């Protein structure tokens, strides 16, 4: 006896099916995306600057939102703020100093 699949009836489709949208709308967001190497270089420049003693006010743009925080430290994977927040480095798309 052979291993045969059961016979299944398939109804032919002779009309256009409109159960999905044929178009979508997307609003392009104008964010300045930086590569992870550029982000890492900018963070290193902030910590190496002469005016960085304990904390530095910076604006961080992540995938979700934009934060203005006082930067106080760094680990391998996170930036540490004065408010005890941890901001993951892989979520940062732009970082800039606030003067």
N, C-alpha and C. Protein backbone atom coordinates (compact mmCIF):
# COMPACT_ATOMS: atom_id res chain seq x y z
N UNK A 1 0.83 -1.18 0.00
CA UNK A 1 0.00 0.00 0.00
C UNK A 1 0.88 1.25 0.00
N UNK A 2 0.59 2.17 -0.88
CA UNK A 2 1.37 3.39 -0.99
C UNK A 2 0.87 4.43 0.01
N UNK A 3 1.79 5.31 0.40
CA UNK A 3 1.39 6.43 1.25
C UNK A 3 0.85 7.54 0.36
N UNK A 4 -0.43 7.57 0.17
CA UNK A 4 -1.04 8.58 -0.67
C UNK A 4 -1.74 9.62 0.20
N UNK A 5 -1.73 10.81 -0.31
CA UNK A 5 -2.45 11.88 0.37
C UNK A 5 -3.93 11.75 0.05
N UNK A 6 -4.79 12.17 0.94
CA UNK A 6 -6.22 12.08 0.66
C UNK A 6 -6.62 13.05 -0.45
N UNK A 7 -7.63 12.71 -1.16
CA UNK A 7 -8.14 13.56 -2.23
C UNK A 7 -8.91 14.72 -1.60
N UNK A 8 -8.58 15.93 -2.03
CA UNK A 8 -9.22 17.13 -1.49
C UNK A 8 -9.77 17.93 -2.66
N UNK A 9 -11.00 18.38 -2.51
CA UNK A 9 -11.61 19.20 -3.55
C UNK A 9 -11.23 20.66 -3.33
N UNK A 10 -10.73 21.31 -4.36
CA UNK A 10 -10.43 22.74 -4.28
C UNK A 10 -11.33 23.48 -5.24
N UNK A 11 -12.06 24.40 -4.72
CA UNK A 11 -13.00 25.17 -5.51
C UNK A 11 -12.24 26.19 -6.35
N UNK A 12 -12.47 26.28 -7.63
CA UNK A 12 -11.75 27.26 -8.44
C UNK A 12 -12.19 28.68 -8.09
N UNK A 13 -11.23 29.59 -8.08
CA UNK A 13 -11.51 30.98 -7.76
C UNK A 13 -11.58 31.76 -9.06
N UNK A 14 -12.78 32.21 -9.45
CA UNK A 14 -12.92 32.93 -10.70
C UNK A 14 -13.33 34.38 -10.50
N UNK A 15 -13.13 34.93 -9.31
CA UNK A 15 -13.42 36.33 -9.07
C UNK A 15 -12.32 36.93 -8.18
N UNK A 16 -12.27 38.24 -8.16
CA UNK A 16 -11.26 38.92 -7.35
C UNK A 16 -11.72 38.94 -5.89
N UNK A 17 -10.82 38.57 -5.02
CA UNK A 17 -11.13 38.55 -3.59
C UNK A 17 -10.64 39.85 -2.98
N UNK A 18 -11.52 40.54 -2.26
CA UNK A 18 -11.18 41.84 -1.69
C UNK A 18 -11.27 41.80 -0.16
N UNK A 19 -10.60 40.85 0.44
CA UNK A 19 -10.61 40.81 1.89
C UNK A 19 -9.33 41.41 2.49
N UNK A 20 -8.43 41.89 1.66
CA UNK A 20 -7.23 42.59 2.12
C UNK A 20 -7.19 43.97 1.50
N UNK A 21 -6.55 44.89 2.19
CA UNK A 21 -6.39 46.21 1.60
C UNK A 21 -5.34 46.14 0.51
N UNK A 22 -5.57 46.89 -0.54
CA UNK A 22 -4.65 46.87 -1.66
C UNK A 22 -3.57 47.95 -1.54
N UNK A 23 -3.69 48.84 -0.60
CA UNK A 23 -2.71 49.90 -0.42
C UNK A 23 -2.57 50.19 1.06
N UNK A 24 -1.53 50.89 1.39
CA UNK A 24 -1.31 51.31 2.77
C UNK A 24 -0.72 52.71 2.76
N UNK A 25 -0.81 53.37 3.89
CA UNK A 25 -0.28 54.71 4.03
C UNK A 25 0.79 54.70 5.10
N UNK A 26 1.91 55.25 4.79
CA UNK A 26 3.01 55.32 5.74
C UNK A 26 3.55 56.74 5.74
N UNK A 27 3.71 57.30 6.93
CA UNK A 27 4.28 58.63 7.03
C UNK A 27 5.76 58.49 7.33
N UNK A 28 6.55 59.04 6.48
CA UNK A 28 7.99 58.95 6.66
C UNK A 28 8.42 59.90 7.77
N UNK A 29 9.16 59.36 8.71
CA UNK A 29 9.64 60.18 9.81
C UNK A 29 11.06 60.63 9.51
N UNK A 30 11.30 61.88 9.71
CA UNK A 30 12.63 62.42 9.40
C UNK A 30 13.49 62.37 10.66
N UNK A 31 14.06 61.24 10.91
CA UNK A 31 14.99 61.09 12.03
C UNK A 31 16.39 60.91 11.47
N UNK A 32 17.34 61.40 12.19
CA UNK A 32 18.72 61.29 11.76
C UNK A 32 19.30 60.02 12.39
N UNK A 33 19.27 58.93 11.64
CA UNK A 33 19.77 57.66 12.14
C UNK A 33 21.28 57.60 12.03
N UNK A 34 21.92 57.18 13.09
CA UNK A 34 23.36 57.01 13.11
C UNK A 34 23.67 55.53 13.26
N UNK A 35 24.80 55.12 12.74
CA UNK A 35 25.20 53.72 12.88
C UNK A 35 25.68 53.47 14.32
N UNK A 36 25.67 52.21 14.76
CA UNK A 36 26.15 51.93 16.12
C UNK A 36 27.59 52.37 16.36
N UNK A 37 28.44 52.30 15.34
CA UNK A 37 29.82 52.76 15.50
C UNK A 37 29.87 54.27 15.73
N UNK A 38 29.03 55.01 15.01
CA UNK A 38 28.98 56.46 15.19
C UNK A 38 28.46 56.82 16.58
N UNK A 39 27.44 56.10 17.04
CA UNK A 39 26.89 56.33 18.38
C UNK A 39 27.95 56.08 19.43
N UNK A 40 28.66 54.98 19.29
CA UNK A 40 29.72 54.64 20.25
C UNK A 40 30.82 55.70 20.24
N UNK A 41 31.17 56.19 19.08
CA UNK A 41 32.20 57.22 18.96
C UNK A 41 31.74 58.52 19.62
N UNK A 42 30.47 58.89 19.42
CA UNK A 42 29.94 60.11 20.02
C UNK A 42 29.89 60.00 21.54
N UNK A 43 29.53 58.84 22.06
CA UNK A 43 29.49 58.63 23.51
C UNK A 43 30.90 58.72 24.09
N UNK A 44 31.86 58.12 23.41
CA UNK A 44 33.25 58.21 23.88
C UNK A 44 33.75 59.65 23.87
N UNK A 45 33.34 60.43 22.87
CA UNK A 45 33.74 61.84 22.83
C UNK A 45 33.13 62.63 23.98
N UNK A 46 31.90 62.30 24.35
CA UNK A 46 31.26 62.99 25.48
C UNK A 46 32.02 62.71 26.77
N UNK A 47 32.37 61.45 27.00
CA UNK A 47 33.08 61.12 28.23
C UNK A 47 34.53 61.60 28.23
N UNK A 48 35.13 61.76 27.07
CA UNK A 48 36.53 62.19 27.00
C UNK A 48 36.67 63.71 26.96
N UNK A 49 35.58 64.43 26.85
CA UNK A 49 35.68 65.89 26.75
C UNK A 49 36.17 66.49 28.08
N UNK A 50 36.78 67.65 27.97
CA UNK A 50 37.36 68.30 29.15
C UNK A 50 36.30 68.84 30.10
N UNK A 51 35.11 69.16 29.59
CA UNK A 51 34.09 69.73 30.45
C UNK A 51 33.20 68.67 31.10
N UNK A 52 33.46 67.38 30.87
CA UNK A 52 32.71 66.32 31.53
C UNK A 52 33.41 65.97 32.84
N UNK A 53 32.82 66.38 33.96
CA UNK A 53 33.38 66.05 35.26
C UNK A 53 32.57 64.94 35.91
N UNK A 54 31.29 65.19 36.10
CA UNK A 54 30.44 64.19 36.73
C UNK A 54 29.20 63.89 35.90
N UNK A 55 28.60 64.93 35.35
CA UNK A 55 27.37 64.72 34.59
C UNK A 55 27.35 65.65 33.40
N UNK A 56 26.56 65.25 32.41
CA UNK A 56 26.44 66.03 31.17
C UNK A 56 25.00 65.95 30.70
N UNK A 57 24.41 67.07 30.35
CA UNK A 57 23.03 67.09 29.85
C UNK A 57 23.05 66.77 28.36
N UNK A 58 22.32 65.71 27.98
CA UNK A 58 22.29 65.26 26.59
C UNK A 58 20.86 64.94 26.16
N UNK A 59 20.66 64.93 24.86
CA UNK A 59 19.38 64.53 24.26
C UNK A 59 19.61 63.21 23.53
N UNK A 60 18.86 62.21 23.92
CA UNK A 60 18.98 60.88 23.33
C UNK A 60 17.70 60.57 22.57
N UNK A 61 17.85 60.17 21.32
CA UNK A 61 16.71 59.74 20.52
C UNK A 61 16.78 58.22 20.39
N UNK A 62 15.72 57.55 20.84
CA UNK A 62 15.64 56.09 20.71
C UNK A 62 14.57 55.76 19.68
N UNK A 63 14.34 54.48 19.49
CA UNK A 63 13.30 54.06 18.54
C UNK A 63 11.93 54.54 19.00
N UNK A 64 11.70 54.61 20.30
CA UNK A 64 10.39 54.94 20.84
C UNK A 64 10.17 56.42 21.11
N UNK A 65 11.18 57.09 21.70
CA UNK A 65 10.97 58.47 22.12
C UNK A 65 12.27 59.25 22.16
N UNK A 66 12.15 60.49 22.61
CA UNK A 66 13.31 61.37 22.73
C UNK A 66 13.41 61.80 24.19
N UNK A 67 14.61 61.66 24.77
CA UNK A 67 14.82 61.94 26.19
C UNK A 67 15.87 63.03 26.36
N UNK A 68 15.68 63.87 27.36
CA UNK A 68 16.71 64.81 27.79
C UNK A 68 17.10 64.40 29.20
N UNK A 69 18.32 63.91 29.35
CA UNK A 69 18.77 63.34 30.62
C UNK A 69 20.14 63.88 30.98
N UNK A 70 20.50 63.69 32.25
CA UNK A 70 21.85 63.98 32.73
C UNK A 70 22.63 62.68 32.74
N UNK A 71 23.60 62.58 31.86
CA UNK A 71 24.40 61.38 31.72
C UNK A 71 25.49 61.36 32.78
N UNK A 72 25.60 60.24 33.51
CA UNK A 72 26.62 60.15 34.55
C UNK A 72 27.57 58.98 34.35
N UNK A 73 27.19 57.96 33.61
CA UNK A 73 28.08 56.81 33.47
C UNK A 73 27.68 55.92 32.32
N UNK A 74 28.48 54.87 32.17
CA UNK A 74 28.28 53.94 31.08
C UNK A 74 28.73 52.55 31.50
N UNK A 75 27.96 51.55 31.05
CA UNK A 75 28.39 50.16 31.17
C UNK A 75 28.62 49.66 29.75
N UNK A 76 28.85 48.36 29.59
CA UNK A 76 29.07 47.82 28.25
C UNK A 76 27.83 47.94 27.37
N UNK A 77 26.65 47.83 27.96
CA UNK A 77 25.42 47.78 27.17
C UNK A 77 24.47 48.94 27.42
N UNK A 78 24.73 49.76 28.45
CA UNK A 78 23.77 50.79 28.85
C UNK A 78 24.45 52.12 29.14
N UNK A 79 23.67 53.19 29.02
CA UNK A 79 24.06 54.49 29.55
C UNK A 79 23.32 54.69 30.85
N UNK A 80 23.97 55.27 31.83
CA UNK A 80 23.37 55.49 33.14
C UNK A 80 23.10 56.97 33.32
N UNK A 81 21.92 57.28 33.86
CA UNK A 81 21.54 58.67 34.05
C UNK A 81 21.51 59.01 35.53
N UNK A 82 21.35 60.29 35.81
CA UNK A 82 21.28 60.76 37.18
C UNK A 82 20.00 60.28 37.86
N UNK A 83 18.96 59.96 37.08
CA UNK A 83 17.68 59.49 37.62
C UNK A 83 17.64 57.97 37.77
N UNK A 84 18.78 57.30 37.73
CA UNK A 84 18.90 55.84 37.83
C UNK A 84 18.20 55.12 36.69
N UNK A 85 18.17 55.72 35.52
CA UNK A 85 17.64 55.06 34.32
C UNK A 85 18.78 54.37 33.60
N UNK A 86 18.44 53.27 32.97
CA UNK A 86 19.37 52.59 32.09
C UNK A 86 18.82 52.68 30.68
N UNK A 87 19.63 53.22 29.77
CA UNK A 87 19.22 53.35 28.38
C UNK A 87 20.12 52.42 27.57
N UNK A 88 19.51 51.45 26.93
CA UNK A 88 20.28 50.45 26.17
C UNK A 88 20.95 51.11 24.97
N UNK A 89 22.21 50.79 24.75
CA UNK A 89 22.96 51.37 23.65
C UNK A 89 22.42 50.94 22.30
N UNK A 90 21.87 49.72 22.21
CA UNK A 90 21.38 49.24 20.92
C UNK A 90 20.05 49.87 20.53
N UNK A 91 19.39 50.62 21.43
CA UNK A 91 18.14 51.31 21.11
C UNK A 91 18.36 52.76 20.69
N UNK A 92 19.57 53.28 20.86
CA UNK A 92 19.86 54.68 20.57
C UNK A 92 20.09 54.85 19.08
N UNK A 93 19.38 55.84 18.50
CA UNK A 93 19.60 56.13 17.08
C UNK A 93 20.28 57.49 16.87
N UNK A 94 20.26 58.34 17.90
CA UNK A 94 20.97 59.61 17.81
C UNK A 94 21.21 60.11 19.23
N UNK A 95 22.34 60.81 19.40
CA UNK A 95 22.69 61.38 20.69
C UNK A 95 23.37 62.72 20.43
N UNK A 96 23.01 63.73 21.25
CA UNK A 96 23.62 65.04 21.08
C UNK A 96 23.68 65.76 22.43
N UNK A 97 24.69 66.60 22.56
CA UNK A 97 24.85 67.38 23.79
C UNK A 97 23.91 68.58 23.77
N UNK A 98 23.40 68.94 24.95
CA UNK A 98 22.58 70.14 25.09
C UNK A 98 23.46 71.20 25.73
N UNK A 99 23.59 72.30 25.06
CA UNK A 99 24.48 73.37 25.55
C UNK A 99 23.70 74.34 26.39
